Protein backbone atom coordinates (compact mmCIF):
# COMPACT_ATOMS: atom_id res chain seq x y z
CA MET A 1 22.24 -48.56 36.58
CA GLU A 2 25.70 -48.63 38.13
CA ALA A 3 28.58 -47.86 35.77
CA PRO A 4 31.03 -50.70 35.06
CA PRO A 5 34.33 -50.67 37.00
CA GLY A 6 36.76 -48.08 35.67
CA GLU A 7 34.02 -46.17 33.81
CA SER A 8 32.43 -43.01 35.16
CA ALA A 9 28.68 -42.57 35.24
CA SER A 10 28.89 -39.80 32.65
CA GLU A 11 30.94 -42.00 30.33
CA ALA A 12 28.43 -44.81 30.75
CA ALA A 13 25.58 -42.43 29.93
CA ARG A 14 27.34 -41.44 26.72
CA ALA A 15 27.91 -44.98 25.51
CA PRO A 16 28.35 -45.16 21.74
CA GLY A 17 25.30 -45.72 19.56
CA PRO A 18 24.73 -48.86 17.51
CA PHE A 19 26.75 -47.67 14.53
CA ALA A 20 29.66 -46.51 16.69
CA LEU A 21 29.91 -50.03 18.17
CA LEU A 22 30.74 -51.35 14.72
CA ALA A 23 34.03 -49.47 14.67
CA ASP A 24 36.07 -52.25 16.26
CA VAL A 25 34.22 -55.21 14.74
CA ASN A 26 35.75 -56.62 11.59
CA ARG A 27 36.66 -53.10 10.54
CA HIS A 28 39.19 -54.08 7.94
CA ARG A 29 37.33 -57.06 6.55
CA ASN A 30 36.20 -56.73 2.96
CA MET A 31 35.13 -53.10 2.35
CA ASP A 32 34.12 -52.23 5.92
CA TRP A 33 36.61 -49.35 6.02
CA VAL A 34 34.55 -47.53 3.39
CA PHE A 35 31.68 -47.24 5.85
CA ILE A 36 33.30 -47.45 9.29
CA GLY A 37 35.97 -45.16 10.71
CA ASP A 38 37.57 -44.71 14.12
CA GLN A 39 34.34 -43.20 15.49
CA GLY A 40 31.89 -45.54 13.80
CA LEU A 41 29.91 -44.77 10.66
CA ARG A 42 31.76 -42.18 8.59
CA ALA A 43 30.55 -38.59 8.43
CA GLY A 44 29.55 -38.75 4.77
CA TRP A 45 27.19 -41.67 5.34
CA LEU A 46 25.75 -39.96 8.42
CA LEU A 47 24.97 -36.89 6.33
CA LEU A 48 23.26 -39.02 3.67
CA ILE A 49 21.12 -40.69 6.35
CA ALA A 50 20.29 -37.29 7.86
CA VAL A 51 19.26 -35.95 4.44
CA ALA A 52 17.05 -38.97 3.81
CA LEU A 53 15.40 -38.63 7.23
CA TYR A 54 14.85 -34.91 6.71
CA ARG A 55 13.21 -35.48 3.32
CA LEU A 56 11.00 -38.17 4.81
CA PHE A 57 9.76 -36.01 7.69
CA ALA A 58 9.42 -32.90 5.50
CA THR A 59 7.34 -34.80 2.95
CA ILE A 60 5.03 -36.25 5.61
CA LEU A 61 4.54 -32.97 7.49
CA GLY A 62 4.22 -30.93 4.30
CA THR A 63 1.58 -33.29 2.92
CA LEU A 64 -0.40 -33.18 6.18
CA ALA A 65 -0.25 -29.37 6.29
CA PHE A 66 -1.38 -29.07 2.67
CA GLU A 67 -4.28 -31.47 3.29
CA ILE A 68 -5.41 -29.38 6.26
CA ASP A 69 -5.24 -26.10 4.32
CA SER A 70 -4.08 -25.95 0.70
CA GLY A 71 -3.98 -22.16 0.92
CA ILE A 72 -0.72 -22.19 2.91
CA ALA A 73 1.21 -22.45 -0.35
CA HIS A 74 0.03 -18.95 -1.35
CA LEU A 75 0.66 -16.91 1.78
CA GLY A 76 3.72 -15.16 0.32
CA PHE A 77 6.40 -13.37 2.33
CA SER A 78 4.15 -12.49 5.26
CA ALA A 79 4.63 -13.17 8.96
CA ILE A 80 2.05 -15.97 8.96
CA GLY A 81 3.47 -17.36 5.73
CA VAL A 82 7.00 -17.48 7.15
CA LEU A 83 5.80 -18.99 10.43
CA ILE A 84 4.10 -21.85 8.62
CA SER A 85 6.70 -22.36 5.89
CA GLU A 86 9.58 -22.44 8.41
CA LEU A 87 7.84 -24.55 11.04
CA ILE A 88 7.57 -27.64 8.83
CA PRO A 89 11.28 -27.85 7.89
CA LEU A 90 12.28 -26.89 11.45
CA LEU A 91 10.28 -29.77 12.91
CA SER A 92 11.77 -32.00 10.22
CA ILE A 93 15.39 -31.16 11.06
CA VAL A 94 14.69 -31.56 14.80
CA ALA A 95 13.18 -34.98 14.17
CA ALA A 96 16.04 -35.98 11.87
CA GLY A 97 18.58 -34.62 14.37
CA GLY A 98 16.96 -36.61 17.16
CA PHE A 99 17.26 -39.82 15.16
CA MET A 100 20.87 -39.06 14.23
CA ALA A 101 21.70 -38.39 17.87
CA LEU A 102 20.23 -41.78 18.75
CA ILE A 103 22.25 -43.48 16.01
CA GLU A 104 25.48 -41.77 17.08
CA GLY A 105 24.96 -42.19 20.83
CA ARG A 106 24.72 -38.43 21.42
CA THR A 107 22.07 -35.92 22.41
CA ILE A 108 20.75 -33.38 19.94
CA LEU A 109 22.41 -30.63 22.01
CA ASP A 110 25.82 -32.09 21.14
CA TYR A 111 25.42 -30.64 17.65
CA ASN A 112 26.78 -27.21 18.67
CA LEU A 113 23.79 -26.41 20.88
CA ALA A 114 25.15 -27.23 24.34
CA GLY A 115 27.90 -24.87 25.45
CA GLN A 116 27.71 -22.55 28.44
CA ARG A 117 25.27 -19.68 29.07
CA PRO A 118 23.10 -20.20 25.95
CA GLY A 119 20.60 -17.56 27.07
CA LEU A 120 23.31 -14.92 27.48
CA TYR A 121 24.79 -15.67 24.08
CA PHE A 122 21.37 -15.64 22.43
CA PHE A 123 20.48 -12.19 23.80
CA SER A 124 23.98 -10.91 23.02
CA GLY A 125 23.46 -12.06 19.44
CA LEU A 126 20.07 -10.32 19.33
CA THR A 127 21.70 -7.04 20.37
CA ALA A 128 24.54 -7.41 17.86
CA GLY A 129 22.20 -8.28 14.99
CA PHE A 130 19.86 -5.32 15.52
CA ALA A 131 22.71 -2.89 16.14
CA THR A 132 24.78 -3.80 13.09
CA LEU A 133 21.78 -3.84 10.73
CA SER A 134 20.85 -0.41 12.11
CA VAL A 135 24.37 0.84 11.35
CA LEU A 136 23.97 -0.40 7.77
CA VAL A 137 20.55 1.23 7.32
CA GLY A 138 21.82 4.44 8.91
CA ALA A 139 24.78 4.56 6.51
CA LEU A 140 22.48 4.01 3.53
CA ALA A 141 20.15 6.78 4.68
CA TRP A 142 23.06 9.16 5.39
CA GLY A 143 24.46 8.59 1.90
CA GLY A 144 21.09 9.17 0.25
CA TRP A 145 20.77 5.55 -0.92
CA LEU A 146 17.73 4.80 1.25
CA HIS A 147 14.71 7.05 1.69
CA PHE A 148 12.14 6.63 4.46
CA GLY A 149 8.43 7.18 4.00
CA PRO A 150 5.55 7.31 6.48
CA ILE A 151 5.05 4.70 9.20
CA ALA A 152 3.03 1.86 7.71
CA LEU A 153 1.32 0.59 10.88
CA SER A 154 -0.49 2.15 13.80
CA GLY A 155 -1.94 1.24 17.18
CA ALA A 156 -2.15 -2.42 18.09
CA GLU A 157 -0.94 -3.47 14.63
CA ILE A 158 2.57 -2.30 15.52
CA PHE A 159 2.80 -4.82 18.37
CA LYS A 160 0.85 -7.52 16.54
CA PHE A 161 3.07 -7.59 13.47
CA GLY A 162 6.19 -6.97 15.54
CA ALA A 163 5.48 -10.09 17.60
CA LEU A 164 4.47 -12.18 14.58
CA TRP A 165 7.63 -11.28 12.69
CA ALA A 166 9.74 -11.89 15.81
CA GLY A 167 8.32 -15.41 16.04
CA ALA A 168 8.76 -15.95 12.32
CA PHE A 169 12.39 -14.91 12.29
CA LEU A 170 13.15 -16.88 15.43
CA LEU A 171 12.05 -19.95 13.44
CA VAL A 172 14.22 -18.79 10.52
CA GLY A 173 17.22 -18.42 12.82
CA LEU A 174 16.64 -21.80 14.42
CA LEU A 175 16.13 -23.52 11.06
CA GLU A 176 19.02 -22.01 9.14
CA GLU A 177 21.53 -22.03 11.98
CA GLY A 178 20.31 -25.45 13.08
CA THR A 179 20.98 -26.71 9.56
CA PHE A 180 24.25 -24.99 8.71
CA ARG A 181 26.00 -24.18 12.00
CA CYS A 182 24.73 -27.12 14.06
CA TYR A 183 24.43 -30.60 12.52
CA LEU A 184 26.15 -29.84 9.20
CA GLN A 185 29.07 -27.90 10.70
CA PHE A 186 29.53 -30.46 13.50
CA THR A 187 29.41 -33.52 11.25
CA LEU A 188 31.59 -32.07 8.50
CA THR A 189 34.17 -31.07 11.11
CA ARG A 190 34.24 -34.66 12.24
CA GLY A 191 35.00 -36.12 8.81
CA ILE A 192 36.24 -33.51 6.33
CA ASN A 193 39.63 -32.58 4.93
CA PHE A 194 40.75 -30.04 2.34
CA TRP A 195 40.19 -32.30 -0.66
CA TRP A 196 36.69 -33.25 0.38
CA ALA A 197 35.90 -29.59 1.06
CA MET A 198 37.22 -28.53 -2.33
CA GLY A 199 35.22 -31.32 -3.99
CA ILE A 200 31.98 -30.13 -2.38
CA ILE A 201 32.69 -26.48 -3.25
CA SER A 202 33.51 -27.49 -6.83
CA ALA A 203 30.20 -29.36 -7.07
CA LEU A 204 28.31 -26.26 -5.92
CA CYS A 205 30.06 -24.04 -8.47
CA THR A 206 29.56 -26.59 -11.25
CA ASP A 207 25.87 -26.77 -10.41
CA LEU A 208 25.59 -22.99 -10.75
CA LEU A 209 27.42 -23.03 -14.08
CA LEU A 210 25.12 -25.72 -15.43
CA ARG A 211 21.97 -23.97 -14.24
CA SER A 212 23.22 -20.67 -15.67
CA ASN A 213 23.22 -22.40 -19.06
CA GLY A 214 19.72 -23.79 -18.63
CA SER A 215 20.61 -27.26 -17.34
CA GLU A 216 19.13 -28.79 -14.19
CA GLY A 217 22.39 -28.83 -12.22
CA ILE A 218 23.87 -31.63 -10.14
CA VAL A 219 23.18 -30.66 -6.51
CA ALA A 220 20.07 -32.10 -4.81
CA PHE A 221 18.33 -29.55 -2.61
CA VAL A 222 17.38 -31.18 0.69
CA TRP A 223 15.10 -28.42 1.97
CA MET A 224 12.57 -28.30 -0.89
CA ASP A 225 10.96 -30.53 -3.47
CA SER A 226 12.94 -29.30 -6.46
CA PRO A 227 15.88 -26.95 -7.16
CA PRO A 228 14.80 -23.32 -7.57
CA ALA A 229 15.48 -21.51 -10.80
CA LEU A 230 18.74 -19.57 -10.78
CA LYS A 231 17.76 -15.90 -10.74
CA GLY A 232 19.86 -12.91 -11.70
CA ASN A 233 23.65 -13.08 -11.56
CA GLY A 234 23.98 -13.90 -7.88
CA ALA A 235 26.09 -16.95 -8.75
CA TRP A 236 29.15 -14.72 -8.84
CA GLY A 237 28.74 -14.18 -5.11
CA VAL A 238 29.14 -17.94 -4.59
CA TYR A 239 32.19 -18.06 -6.84
CA ALA A 240 33.76 -15.20 -4.85
CA ALA A 241 33.11 -16.96 -1.52
CA ALA A 242 34.55 -20.20 -2.88
CA LEU A 243 37.73 -18.48 -4.10
CA LEU A 244 38.17 -16.45 -0.91
CA GLY A 245 38.29 -19.58 1.23
CA LEU A 246 40.50 -21.61 -1.11
CA LEU A 247 43.96 -20.33 -0.16
CA PRO A 248 43.44 -20.18 3.63
CA CYS A 249 42.05 -23.72 3.71
CA LEU A 250 44.85 -24.99 1.49
CA LEU A 251 47.47 -23.42 3.77
CA LEU A 252 45.83 -24.97 6.82
CA HIS A 253 45.99 -28.33 5.06
CA LEU A 254 49.61 -28.01 3.93
CA ARG A 255 50.77 -26.88 7.36
CA LYS A 256 48.70 -29.58 9.09
CA VAL A 257 47.26 -27.05 11.52
CA ALA A 258 45.31 -28.50 14.42
CA GLY A 259 41.64 -27.63 14.08
CA ALA A 260 41.85 -27.20 10.31
CA ALA A 261 38.80 -29.41 9.79
CA PHE A 262 36.55 -26.88 11.54
CA TRP A 263 37.58 -24.11 9.14
CA GLN A 264 37.34 -26.37 6.09
CA ALA A 265 33.83 -27.26 7.22
CA ALA A 266 33.10 -23.55 7.72
CA TRP A 267 34.25 -22.90 4.14
CA VAL A 268 31.72 -25.45 2.91
CA THR A 269 28.78 -24.43 5.09
CA SER A 270 29.32 -20.69 4.44
CA THR A 271 29.57 -21.14 0.67
CA LEU A 272 26.52 -23.38 0.74
CA PHE A 273 24.67 -20.71 2.71
CA GLY A 274 25.37 -18.23 -0.07
CA PHE A 275 24.46 -20.88 -2.65
CA ILE A 276 20.90 -21.31 -1.35
CA HIS A 277 20.27 -17.57 -1.74
CA THR A 278 20.78 -17.71 -5.52
CA GLY A 279 17.16 -18.83 -5.90
CA ASN A 280 15.72 -15.67 -4.29
CA GLY A 281 14.21 -13.10 -6.61
CA GLY A 282 16.01 -9.75 -6.54
CA GLU A 283 19.34 -11.12 -5.27
CA ASN A 284 22.60 -9.72 -6.66
CA PRO A 285 26.21 -10.97 -6.36
CA VAL A 286 26.95 -8.70 -3.38
CA GLY A 287 23.92 -10.00 -1.48
CA VAL A 288 24.80 -13.64 -2.15
CA PHE A 289 28.43 -13.07 -1.14
CA ALA A 290 27.22 -11.22 1.98
CA ALA A 291 25.11 -14.25 2.94
CA ALA A 292 28.19 -16.47 2.65
CA ALA A 293 30.32 -13.97 4.58
CA ILE A 294 27.89 -13.61 7.46
CA GLY A 295 27.59 -17.40 7.47
CA PHE A 296 31.34 -17.51 8.11
CA VAL A 297 30.96 -14.99 10.94
CA PHE A 298 28.36 -17.29 12.47
CA CYS A 299 30.85 -20.18 12.22
CA VAL A 300 33.41 -18.03 14.03
CA SER A 301 30.83 -17.40 16.75
CA VAL A 302 30.41 -21.15 17.21
CA ARG A 303 34.16 -21.50 17.58
CA LEU A 304 34.43 -18.66 20.10
CA THR A 305 31.32 -19.25 22.22
CA GLY A 306 31.07 -23.02 22.01
CA SER A 307 27.55 -23.07 20.58
CA ALA A 308 25.31 -21.65 17.84
CA TRP A 309 23.12 -19.58 20.20
CA TRP A 310 24.85 -16.27 19.47
CA ALA A 311 24.40 -16.92 15.74
CA ILE A 312 20.72 -17.81 16.22
CA GLY A 313 20.11 -14.56 18.12
CA CYS A 314 22.04 -12.42 15.65
CA HIS A 315 20.32 -14.02 12.66
CA THR A 316 16.89 -13.49 14.22
CA ALA A 317 17.42 -9.81 15.08
CA TRP A 318 19.14 -8.94 11.79
CA ASP A 319 16.20 -10.26 9.74
CA TRP A 320 13.59 -8.75 12.08
CA ALA A 321 15.18 -5.29 11.93
CA GLU A 322 15.66 -5.47 8.17
CA THR A 323 12.21 -6.79 7.27
CA TYR A 324 9.82 -5.54 9.93
CA PHE A 325 11.35 -2.53 11.68
CA TYR A 326 12.97 -0.72 8.75
CA GLY A 327 10.71 -2.18 6.04
CA THR A 328 13.46 -2.98 3.54
CA ALA A 329 13.71 -6.01 1.27
CA ASP A 330 15.34 -9.06 2.89
CA SER A 331 17.60 -10.99 0.52
CA GLY A 332 15.51 -9.73 -2.37
CA LEU A 333 12.17 -10.44 -0.67
CA PRO A 334 9.82 -7.50 0.17
CA ALA A 335 7.61 -8.26 3.17
CA GLN A 336 3.97 -7.70 4.01
CA GLY A 337 3.21 -5.92 7.29
CA HIS A 338 6.23 -3.80 8.29
CA TYR A 339 6.61 -0.83 10.66
CA LEU A 340 8.62 1.71 8.64
CA THR A 341 8.57 2.14 4.88
CA SER A 342 11.74 2.65 2.88
CA THR A 343 12.79 2.85 -0.76
CA PRO A 344 16.28 2.31 -2.23
CA ALA A 345 17.66 5.15 -4.35
CA GLY A 346 20.62 5.62 -6.66
CA ASN A 347 23.21 3.13 -7.84
CA PRO A 348 22.20 -0.43 -6.78
CA LEU A 349 25.83 -1.17 -5.90
CA TRP A 350 25.43 1.27 -3.01
CA SER A 351 21.69 1.15 -2.34
CA GLY A 352 21.34 -2.61 -2.72
CA GLY A 353 18.48 -2.14 -5.17
CA THR A 354 15.87 -4.89 -5.11
CA ASP A 355 18.13 -7.03 -2.91
CA GLY A 356 17.77 -4.69 0.06
CA PRO A 357 20.57 -3.48 2.37
CA GLU A 358 22.36 -6.85 2.08
CA GLY A 359 22.94 -6.13 -1.62
CA SER A 360 24.85 -2.89 -0.93
CA LEU A 361 28.63 -2.83 -0.94
CA LEU A 362 28.35 -1.16 2.47
CA VAL A 363 27.20 -4.49 3.93
CA LEU A 364 30.75 -5.84 3.62
CA GLY A 365 32.04 -3.20 6.03
CA VAL A 366 29.21 -3.91 8.44
CA ILE A 367 29.92 -7.66 8.37
CA LEU A 368 33.58 -6.87 9.10
CA LEU A 369 32.40 -4.69 11.99
CA LEU A 370 30.28 -7.57 13.29
CA LEU A 371 33.25 -9.95 13.10
CA THR A 372 35.52 -7.43 14.86
CA ASP A 373 32.99 -6.98 17.66
CA LEU A 374 32.64 -10.75 18.03
CA LEU A 375 36.41 -11.23 18.27
CA ALA A 376 36.82 -8.33 20.69
CA VAL A 377 34.11 -9.56 23.06
CA TYR A 378 34.66 -13.32 22.93
CA GLY A 379 38.10 -13.87 21.41
CA ARG A 380 39.92 -14.08 24.74
CA ARG A 381 37.54 -16.79 25.96
CA SER A 382 37.91 -18.93 22.84
CA SER A 383 40.23 -21.53 24.35
CA ALA A 384 37.70 -22.40 27.02
CA ALA A 385 34.55 -21.97 24.97
CA SER A 386 35.46 -23.63 21.66
CA PRO A 387 33.57 -26.84 20.97
CA MET A 388 35.57 -30.02 21.07
CA GLU A 389 36.67 -30.94 17.57
CA PRO A 390 35.90 -34.56 16.80
CA ALA A 391 38.64 -36.63 15.28
CA ALA A 392 38.19 -37.45 11.62
CA GLY A 393 36.03 -40.47 11.05
């Protein structure tokens, strides 16, 4: 179809979706402004629709999978178990993202997945993730806080489990980065400000306080049927992440810095990323804070590279090296079928204890090293690579 006069073909192809067309129609009549902003339906309502769609698809796919084989619920933290348990929510967020793209007049790649040279960034992230996790494990072993035992696998099993875990953690990287650094980061950036960010963070912290006292909490988990029990004292890692981002985001707000919405959204998505780890058995405050901190590094990578592909690669390789190659616990979860065997030793603050390497204080230095490397390699290209920041809607 030929584009209308004065409109390029690319602009015609990216015509606004049905909700965006409502922006200029009776916007200020009655209470329309509550729902419609300059870009169409406001970001908060879009997120609610996305959550509802995700729950719908996850329920349908989960029910079908359980009907086919009820034993999938008891596979534990194994490569096959992770492959199956991650595939259902991944398909659900892709389906929900596809519908949201249709509603908004976008493509699913617009949610921080387009960018330039995705393959290069993905493999660069793989290298960075394996290398930095190896530095952490090496430091633990050098300090006597991690002891290695005999190799657990032999022959063809080494390649079999290596490939299975690689596929499993690729799904983990796609799911978690697709959730937090793609649609959520993109949509929050479009419609958030400091006060909304602080409200969301406050809700997360209040939920943890309530659940710490035995109450059910106030935050609905969108990735599972019911909120997990709060385990250990990992909640303090969320509180620390929330406090660490408070002053910088407030200063960005007070100074009206251009691009502040991206960092306020990063504060929310990173703290939320730490928040979801509080339900893992064996987690400690350092491990939960480390999850939030590395989530922020992944947000920085989106800003510098223009997409989430570096984060997906880094996330995949970090988990693969931690769980399969070195055989340590991953966020408090010991795995079945790993190459090396290892045991933490000494003070859990340094060894990580049941949390694994991510629960050691040394992880904070390694995350800082990862951030420094990211800035050194891609910082100079940030002006060209950074994703376009949508105006608030």
